[in-house]
Protein backbone atom coordinates (compact mmCIF):
# COMPACT_ATOMS: atom_id res chain seq x y z
CA MET A 1 52.79 188.01 11.42
CA ASN A 2 51.15 186.47 14.46
CA GLU A 3 47.99 185.92 12.50
CA MET A 4 49.83 183.89 9.87
CA ALA A 5 51.43 181.65 12.54
CA HIS A 6 48.03 181.05 14.14
CA ASP A 7 46.55 179.96 10.79
CA SER A 8 49.43 177.54 10.22
CA THR A 9 48.98 175.88 13.65
CA HIS A 10 45.25 175.56 13.15
CA GLY A 11 45.76 173.79 9.79
CA LYS A 12 48.10 171.21 11.25
CA ALA A 13 45.67 170.33 14.04
CA GLY A 14 42.85 169.87 11.55
CA LYS A 15 44.88 167.50 9.43
CA LYS A 16 45.79 165.48 12.52
CA ARG A 17 42.17 165.16 13.55
CA ALA A 18 41.17 164.07 10.05
CA GLY A 19 43.86 161.36 10.03
CA MET A 20 42.74 160.01 13.36
CA ALA A 21 39.17 159.89 12.12
CA LEU A 22 40.23 157.84 9.10
CA VAL A 23 42.13 155.38 11.31
CA LEU A 24 39.17 154.99 13.64
CA ALA A 25 36.86 154.43 10.69
CA ALA A 26 39.16 151.76 9.28
CA LEU A 27 39.35 150.01 12.65
CA ALA A 28 35.57 150.15 13.01
CA LEU A 29 35.12 148.63 9.54
CA LEU A 30 37.62 145.86 10.32
CA PHE A 31 35.92 145.11 13.63
CA PHE A 32 32.54 145.05 11.88
CA MET A 33 33.77 142.56 9.29
CA ILE A 34 35.20 140.29 12.00
CA PHE A 35 32.06 140.66 14.09
CA ARG A 36 29.82 139.90 11.09
CA ASN A 37 31.82 136.81 10.16
CA SER A 38 31.71 135.63 13.75
CA ILE A 39 27.92 136.00 13.97
CA PHE A 40 26.82 134.99 10.48
CA GLY A 41 29.54 132.49 9.66
CA ILE A 42 30.52 134.12 6.35
CA SER A 43 33.60 132.48 4.86
CA GLY A 44 35.15 132.20 1.51
CA SER A 45 34.87 128.48 1.01
CA GLU A 46 32.67 125.49 1.95
CA ASP A 47 33.85 122.18 3.47
CA VAL A 48 33.40 119.01 1.39
CA THR A 49 32.18 115.97 3.39
CA ARG A 50 34.07 112.76 2.69
CA PHE A 51 32.65 109.45 3.92
CA ARG A 52 34.32 106.26 5.03
CA THR A 53 32.62 103.21 3.50
CA GLU A 54 32.80 99.44 3.65
CA PRO A 55 31.27 96.99 1.15
CA VAL A 56 28.25 94.77 1.73
CA GLU A 57 29.43 91.16 1.35
CA LYS A 58 28.26 87.59 1.03
CA GLY A 59 29.79 85.28 3.60
CA ASP A 60 29.44 83.01 6.60
CA LEU A 61 28.33 84.24 10.02
CA THR A 62 29.14 82.53 13.30
CA VAL A 63 27.32 83.86 16.35
CA THR A 64 28.92 83.05 19.70
CA VAL A 65 28.29 83.64 23.38
CA THR A 66 31.43 84.40 25.37
CA ALA A 67 31.85 83.28 28.97
CA THR A 68 34.70 82.66 31.38
CA GLY A 69 35.21 79.88 33.89
CA THR A 70 37.58 77.23 35.23
CA LEU A 71 38.57 73.72 34.25
CA GLU A 72 37.68 70.91 36.63
CA PRO A 73 38.09 67.12 36.62
CA MET A 74 35.15 65.02 35.48
CA ASP A 75 35.04 63.30 38.89
CA GLN A 76 36.83 64.46 42.00
CA VAL A 77 36.68 62.67 45.34
CA GLU A 78 37.88 63.78 48.75
CA VAL A 79 39.28 60.69 50.46
CA GLY A 80 39.08 60.80 54.24
CA VAL A 81 39.28 58.49 57.21
CA GLU A 82 36.33 57.42 59.35
CA VAL A 83 38.32 56.34 62.40
CA SER A 84 40.64 58.23 64.68
CA GLY A 85 44.27 57.24 65.02
CA THR A 86 47.87 57.92 64.09
CA ILE A 87 49.10 57.77 60.50
CA ARG A 88 51.75 55.06 60.28
CA THR A 89 52.63 55.22 56.56
CA VAL A 90 51.68 57.25 53.47
CA GLU A 91 51.96 55.23 50.28
CA VAL A 92 51.37 57.90 47.56
CA ASP A 93 52.34 61.48 46.76
CA TYR A 94 51.14 64.38 44.61
CA ASN A 95 50.39 63.56 40.94
CA ASP A 96 50.79 59.81 41.48
CA PRO A 97 48.48 57.67 39.34
CA VAL A 98 46.43 55.25 41.43
CA LYS A 99 44.16 52.27 40.82
CA LYS A 100 40.90 51.46 42.54
CA ASP A 101 41.43 49.91 46.02
CA GLN A 102 45.13 50.81 45.96
CA VAL A 103 46.47 51.57 49.46
CA LEU A 104 47.00 55.30 50.00
CA ALA A 105 47.90 55.33 53.70
CA ARG A 106 47.80 53.17 56.82
CA LEU A 107 46.92 54.01 60.40
CA ASP A 108 48.45 52.34 63.45
CA THR A 109 46.24 49.25 63.78
CA SER A 110 47.32 47.94 67.18
CA LYS A 111 44.31 49.46 68.94
CA PHE A 112 41.88 48.13 66.34
CA GLU A 113 43.43 44.66 66.42
CA ALA A 114 43.04 44.56 70.23
CA GLN A 115 39.40 45.54 69.91
CA VAL A 116 38.85 42.71 67.45
CA LEU A 117 40.42 40.20 69.83
CA GLN A 118 38.33 41.49 72.72
CA SER A 119 35.07 41.21 70.82
CA GLN A 120 36.08 37.74 69.61
CA ALA A 121 36.56 36.67 73.22
CA LYS A 122 33.12 38.00 74.12
CA LEU A 123 31.64 35.99 71.31
CA ASP A 124 33.38 32.81 72.43
CA LEU A 125 32.11 33.34 75.99
CA ALA A 126 28.56 33.85 74.79
CA ARG A 127 28.72 30.68 72.75
CA ALA A 128 29.95 28.76 75.79
CA LYS A 129 27.05 30.11 77.82
CA LEU A 130 24.70 28.96 75.12
CA LYS A 131 26.07 25.44 75.23
CA GLU A 132 25.77 25.42 79.02
CA ALA A 133 22.17 26.62 78.87
CA GLN A 134 21.32 24.01 76.27
CA ALA A 135 22.82 21.30 78.46
CA ASP A 136 20.78 22.51 81.43
CA ILE A 137 17.66 22.41 79.28
CA LYS A 138 18.38 18.86 78.23
CA LEU A 139 18.97 17.78 81.83
CA ALA A 140 15.85 19.54 83.14
CA ARG A 141 13.67 17.99 80.45
CA SER A 142 15.04 14.52 81.15
CA LYS A 143 14.45 14.91 84.87
CA LEU A 144 10.95 16.24 84.30
CA GLU A 145 10.15 13.28 82.08
CA GLN A 146 11.33 10.86 84.79
CA TYR A 147 9.19 12.60 87.40
CA ARG A 148 6.14 12.38 85.21
CA ARG A 149 6.57 8.62 84.67
CA ALA A 150 7.14 8.00 88.37
CA ARG A 151 4.12 10.05 89.36
CA LYS A 152 2.02 8.10 86.92
CA LEU A 153 3.16 4.76 88.33
CA THR A 154 2.51 5.85 91.93
CA GLY A 155 -0.84 7.32 91.18
CA GLY A 156 0.36 10.86 91.80
CA LYS A 157 1.89 10.16 95.18
CA SER A 158 5.57 10.43 94.25
CA PRO A 159 7.30 12.63 93.48
CA SER A 160 5.40 15.35 95.20
CA GLN A 161 3.94 18.34 93.46
CA ILE A 162 6.58 20.56 95.00
CA GLU A 163 9.34 18.46 93.44
CA MET A 164 7.56 18.60 90.09
CA ASP A 165 7.36 22.38 90.31
CA GLU A 166 11.07 22.64 91.09
CA VAL A 167 12.03 20.62 88.02
CA GLU A 168 9.74 22.67 85.78
CA ALA A 169 11.30 25.87 87.18
CA GLN A 170 14.78 24.53 86.43
CA LEU A 171 13.70 23.86 82.87
CA ALA A 172 12.29 27.35 82.46
CA LYS A 173 15.47 28.87 83.88
CA ALA A 174 17.61 26.87 81.45
CA VAL A 175 15.44 28.00 78.52
CA ALA A 176 15.83 31.63 79.62
CA ALA A 177 19.59 31.17 79.91
CA GLU A 178 19.62 29.79 76.38
CA MET A 179 17.78 32.85 75.07
CA SER A 180 20.15 35.17 76.95
CA ALA A 181 23.18 33.37 75.55
CA LYS A 182 21.82 33.69 72.03
CA ALA A 183 21.33 37.44 72.54
CA GLU A 184 24.87 37.77 73.87
CA ILE A 185 26.14 35.91 70.83
CA ALA A 186 24.32 38.31 68.48
CA SER A 187 25.70 41.32 70.35
CA ALA A 188 29.23 39.90 70.38
CA GLN A 189 29.02 39.11 66.67
CA ALA A 190 27.90 42.69 65.90
CA GLU A 191 30.68 44.12 68.03
CA LEU A 192 33.23 41.86 66.37
CA GLU A 193 32.00 42.87 62.92
CA TYR A 194 32.14 46.56 63.88
CA ASN A 195 35.70 46.27 65.14
CA LYS A 196 36.76 44.36 62.03
CA ILE A 197 35.30 47.16 59.89
CA ASN A 198 37.22 49.74 61.91
CA LEU A 199 40.36 47.69 61.43
CA SER A 200 39.78 47.68 57.67
CA LYS A 201 39.14 51.45 57.73
CA ALA A 202 42.57 51.95 59.23
CA ILE A 203 43.84 51.19 55.74
CA ILE A 204 42.87 54.07 53.39
CA ARG A 205 42.31 52.96 49.80
CA SER A 206 41.60 54.76 46.55
CA PRO A 207 37.89 54.68 45.58
CA MET A 208 38.64 54.80 41.83
CA ASP A 209 41.29 54.90 39.13
CA GLY A 210 42.75 58.38 38.87
CA ILE A 211 45.48 60.73 39.96
CA VAL A 212 46.39 62.24 43.33
CA LEU A 213 45.68 65.97 43.15
CA SER A 214 46.27 66.71 46.81
CA ARG A 215 47.89 65.02 49.81
CA GLN A 216 47.13 66.55 53.19
CA VAL A 217 48.68 64.07 55.62
CA GLU A 218 52.12 63.01 56.84
CA PRO A 219 53.35 59.93 58.74
CA GLY A 220 52.97 60.35 62.49
CA GLN A 221 50.09 62.77 62.16
CA THR A 222 47.07 62.18 64.39
CA VAL A 223 43.65 62.30 62.76
CA ALA A 224 40.41 62.68 64.70
CA ALA A 225 37.14 61.59 63.12
CA SER A 226 34.94 62.37 66.11
CA LEU A 227 33.16 65.40 64.59
CA GLN A 228 33.69 65.13 60.83
CA THR A 229 35.69 63.02 58.44
CA PRO A 230 39.10 64.63 57.88
CA THR A 231 40.20 64.84 54.23
CA LEU A 232 43.54 63.16 53.58
CA PHE A 233 43.69 63.01 49.77
CA ILE A 234 41.90 64.44 46.75
CA ILE A 235 41.67 61.96 43.88
CA ALA A 236 40.57 62.96 40.37
CA ARG A 237 39.56 60.64 37.60
CA ASP A 238 41.83 60.44 34.56
CA LEU A 239 42.39 64.03 33.33
CA LYS A 240 42.06 62.99 29.68
CA GLU A 241 38.43 64.02 30.07
CA MET A 242 37.58 67.24 31.92
CA GLU A 243 34.81 69.78 32.42
CA LEU A 244 34.84 73.52 31.85
CA HIS A 245 32.45 75.36 34.16
CA VAL A 246 31.58 78.83 32.80
CA ASP A 247 29.15 81.53 33.93
CA VAL A 248 26.76 82.57 31.13
CA ASP A 249 24.94 85.89 31.45
CA GLU A 250 21.16 85.73 31.79
CA ALA A 251 20.82 87.75 28.56
CA ASP A 252 22.61 84.98 26.62
CA ILE A 253 21.51 81.81 28.42
CA GLY A 254 18.40 81.47 26.23
CA LYS A 255 20.64 80.87 23.20
CA VAL A 256 22.72 78.13 24.81
CA ARG A 257 21.70 74.47 24.39
CA PRO A 258 23.32 71.12 25.29
CA GLY A 259 25.24 69.71 22.35
CA GLN A 260 26.42 73.06 20.98
CA LYS A 261 30.07 73.24 19.98
CA ALA A 262 32.47 75.65 21.64
CA THR A 263 36.10 76.72 21.62
CA PHE A 264 38.19 78.13 24.44
CA THR A 265 41.65 79.39 25.31
CA VAL A 266 43.70 79.39 28.51
CA ASP A 267 46.41 81.78 29.64
CA ALA A 268 49.00 79.01 29.70
CA TYR A 269 48.62 78.47 25.92
CA PRO A 270 47.26 81.77 24.53
CA ASP A 271 47.88 80.78 20.89
CA LYS A 272 46.18 77.38 21.12
CA VAL A 273 42.43 76.90 20.70
CA PHE A 274 40.77 73.94 22.42
CA ASP A 275 37.46 72.33 21.47
CA ALA A 276 34.54 71.71 23.82
CA GLU A 277 30.85 70.84 23.80
CA VAL A 278 28.00 72.07 25.99
CA LYS A 279 27.09 69.24 28.38
CA GLU A 280 24.47 70.76 30.68
CA ILE A 281 23.10 74.01 32.06
CA TRP A 282 22.52 74.32 35.78
CA LEU A 283 19.16 75.93 36.48
CA SER A 284 20.20 77.45 39.80
CA PRO A 285 21.09 81.14 39.21
CA GLU A 286 24.12 82.86 40.69
CA THR A 287 23.90 86.57 41.53
CA SER A 288 26.93 88.80 42.05
CA ASP A 289 26.69 92.60 42.28
CA GLY A 290 23.25 92.47 40.67
CA VAL A 291 24.47 90.38 37.70
CA VAL A 292 22.66 87.06 37.22
CA THR A 293 24.50 84.18 35.57
CA TYR A 294 23.91 80.47 35.04
CA GLU A 295 26.66 77.91 35.41
CA THR A 296 27.12 75.94 32.20
CA VAL A 297 29.20 72.77 31.98
CA LEU A 298 31.26 72.04 28.85
CA TYR A 299 32.80 68.64 28.07
CA VAL A 300 36.51 68.78 27.19
CA ARG A 301 38.86 66.11 25.83
CA ASN A 302 42.39 66.58 27.18
CA LEU A 303 44.26 63.91 25.25
CA GLU A 304 47.49 65.93 25.14
CA GLY A 305 47.41 66.50 28.88
CA LEU A 306 48.00 70.24 28.52
CA LEU A 307 44.97 71.29 30.54
CA LEU A 308 45.11 71.23 34.33
CA PRO A 309 42.41 71.58 37.00
CA GLY A 310 41.78 75.15 38.07
CA MET A 311 42.97 76.81 34.85
CA THR A 312 40.98 79.90 33.88
CA ALA A 313 39.46 79.69 30.40
CA THR A 314 37.57 82.02 28.07
CA ALA A 315 35.03 80.10 26.00
CA ASP A 316 33.09 81.01 22.86
CA ILE A 317 29.93 78.91 22.58
CA ILE A 318 28.67 78.69 18.98
CA VAL A 319 24.93 79.37 19.22
CA SER A 320 24.26 79.95 15.50
CA GLU A 321 25.99 79.44 12.16
CA LYS A 322 24.82 80.95 8.86
CA ARG A 323 26.27 80.11 5.46
CA ASN A 324 26.45 82.41 2.41
CA VAL A 325 24.33 85.25 3.79
CA THR A 326 24.41 88.99 3.11
CA LEU A 327 26.54 90.74 5.72
CA ILE A 328 26.82 94.39 6.69
CA PRO A 329 29.42 95.94 9.03
CA ASN A 330 28.05 96.79 12.46
CA ALA A 331 29.66 100.22 12.12
CA ALA A 332 27.09 100.99 9.41
CA LEU A 333 24.29 100.38 11.92
CA ARG A 334 25.91 102.75 14.39
CA PHE A 335 26.51 105.55 11.87
CA HIS A 336 24.27 108.62 12.19
CA MET A 337 24.24 111.20 9.38
CA PRO A 338 24.99 114.66 10.85
CA ASP A 339 22.62 117.58 10.19
CA LYS A 340 24.24 120.06 7.75
CA ASN A 341 22.84 123.17 9.45
CA THR A 342 24.04 121.94 12.81
CA ASP A 343 27.46 121.25 11.28
CA ARG A 344 27.69 124.73 9.77
CA GLU A 345 26.63 126.49 12.93
CA ASP A 346 29.04 124.44 14.97
CA LYS A 347 31.85 125.11 12.52
CA ASN A 348 31.21 128.86 12.49
CA SER A 349 30.94 128.99 16.25
CA ARG A 350 34.46 127.62 16.48
CA SER A 351 35.88 130.47 14.31
CA GLY A 352 35.95 134.20 14.76
CA LEU A 353 35.72 136.42 17.75
CA LEU A 354 32.58 134.89 19.29
CA GLY A 355 34.08 131.47 18.99
CA MET A 356 36.79 132.52 21.37
CA MET A 357 34.28 133.99 23.83
CA LEU A 358 31.40 131.48 23.77
CA PRO A 359 31.65 127.99 25.33
CA ARG A 360 31.59 124.92 23.12
CA PHE A 361 28.86 122.30 23.54
CA PRO A 362 29.18 118.67 22.47
CA ARG A 363 26.99 117.55 19.61
CA ARG A 364 25.83 114.15 18.46
CA GLY A 365 26.12 112.63 15.02
CA GLY A 366 28.63 111.57 12.42
CA ASN A 367 31.60 109.57 13.59
CA SER A 368 31.89 111.46 16.88
CA THR A 369 33.04 109.37 19.80
CA GLU A 370 29.99 110.68 21.65
CA SER A 371 27.59 109.19 19.11
CA VAL A 372 25.03 106.82 20.56
CA ALA A 373 25.49 103.41 18.95
CA ARG A 374 22.24 101.88 17.77
CA HIS A 375 21.82 98.23 18.64
CA ALA A 376 19.78 96.37 16.08
CA ALA A 377 18.03 93.37 17.57
CA SER A 378 17.52 90.38 15.30
CA GLY A 379 14.46 90.93 13.10
CA SER A 380 14.30 94.69 13.68
CA GLN A 381 14.07 97.32 10.93
CA VAL A 382 16.94 99.80 10.82
CA TYR A 383 18.19 102.47 8.44
CA VAL A 384 21.67 102.50 6.95
CA TRP A 385 23.35 104.95 4.61
CA VAL A 386 24.67 103.85 1.22
CA LEU A 387 27.05 105.95 -0.88
CA ASN A 388 25.54 105.81 -4.38
CA GLU A 389 27.52 107.66 -7.09
CA GLY A 390 29.03 109.93 -4.49
CA ARG A 391 25.73 110.79 -2.79
CA PRO A 392 24.53 109.31 0.52
CA GLU A 393 21.19 107.50 0.37
CA LYS A 394 19.12 106.25 3.30
CA ARG A 395 18.10 102.58 2.98
CA LEU A 396 15.78 100.48 5.18
CA ILE A 397 16.86 96.92 6.03
CA VAL A 398 15.78 94.11 8.35
CA ALA A 399 18.73 93.09 10.53
CA GLY A 400 19.38 89.49 11.52
CA GLU A 401 21.89 87.96 13.89
CA SER A 402 25.25 89.55 14.62
CA ASP A 403 28.67 88.31 15.69
CA GLY A 404 29.60 91.71 17.09
CA ILE A 405 31.47 92.76 13.94
CA LYS A 406 29.03 92.04 11.14
CA THR A 407 25.25 91.63 11.00
CA GLU A 408 23.14 89.47 8.72
CA VAL A 409 20.77 91.35 6.39
CA LEU A 410 17.48 89.44 6.22
CA SER A 411 15.88 91.77 3.68
CA GLY A 412 15.96 95.34 2.44
CA ASP A 413 17.07 97.65 -0.34
CA ILE A 414 20.69 96.60 -0.22
CA LYS A 415 22.86 94.07 -2.02
CA PRO A 416 26.41 92.73 -1.99
CA GLY A 417 28.84 95.28 -3.38
CA ASP A 418 26.97 98.33 -2.09
CA ALA A 419 29.17 100.77 -0.19
CA VAL A 420 27.66 101.46 3.21
CA ILE A 421 28.79 104.53 5.14
CA VAL A 422 30.53 103.73 8.41
CA GLY A 423 31.97 107.16 9.28
CA ILE A 424 33.16 110.58 8.13
CA MET A 425 36.73 111.45 7.21
CA PRO A 426 38.24 114.85 8.02
CA SER A 427 36.82 117.44 5.58
CA GLY A 428 38.94 119.10 2.86
CA LYS A 429 38.62 122.52 1.22
CA SER A 430 37.03 122.74 -2.25
């Protein structure tokens, strides 16, 4: 009886061990399949690559150089005062139109008027001295002539030689007094002229027709011109004509020439485009943070009066215009066909068990945001991809100028209507 029970227990244990072995075998097979798929990338379907394309077109190409700067008046003058004094009146205010020689302000002229009177008195005194000296000369000459006749009649006995010498000395003294009086007259005249000029400078006038941009003085204010001329007003010529000063990068300055047309916008009127023309290029470079630019002056007509000095503007200078040329999207020049093997390995590495354990590395190619854009300089040979009957084909072209969106095709195995590849769309399952 005990023997039968022992056999029954032994049979149950054997069955249990056999079941566990089957479970372990199944788990091992499942793990092997997962492990194999992770390593070898075995899957039941293949991805189908779909490309984004754009057509090659015939059209016009406008190449521009973009630069920013500020609007300034054609002519701007700082009006100051050359004499020191107290401002008595101010005749104009901000934005007032003015004519040439119009009075802008007046200084207290009492001091200058007194100086004019004083120098006039000095001049009158010098003239009186001159007349006195001339009279003395006339008298001394007459007396000398009388002495000479008398000496001749007396055979040299009378008047004596001493008396003759005295008369000659008087004549010489009178001549010297005349010369001194003439010098005093010249000095007094110069002083009078100087004081009259200072008196005229006490009245500040506009040097040209224009508009008052700035007024920096008030009645009663004291101005001192001892060290430098203080600025009282800033006058600009009529703002119907202005200048736009922009900084052009050294990489673009070789394309810019006087006479080229340009357009620009300002923040005050973002939807309005204004016309301009390149007037001159200043040869002196400006360097800021290692960036070299050249100041370029554009002529602007401001007939509507919308533009004001100091406004910031963004200008597009037209450096080249092409008509009816073959154009290709710049995205086609940047596109790089991905390697299929690299794609497959990368795709498999992102699935399965190893994909969860191994780190991911960025790859280049396709329409990845990490792709390196290829810049095609004008006249350079570049490859583009054309989708021909559903298959991508590599074509060689010679690139021309570009406006940043499209590039001119100078020559190559490409024609209007061809579909150039510009990117890859998300793949679908076949």
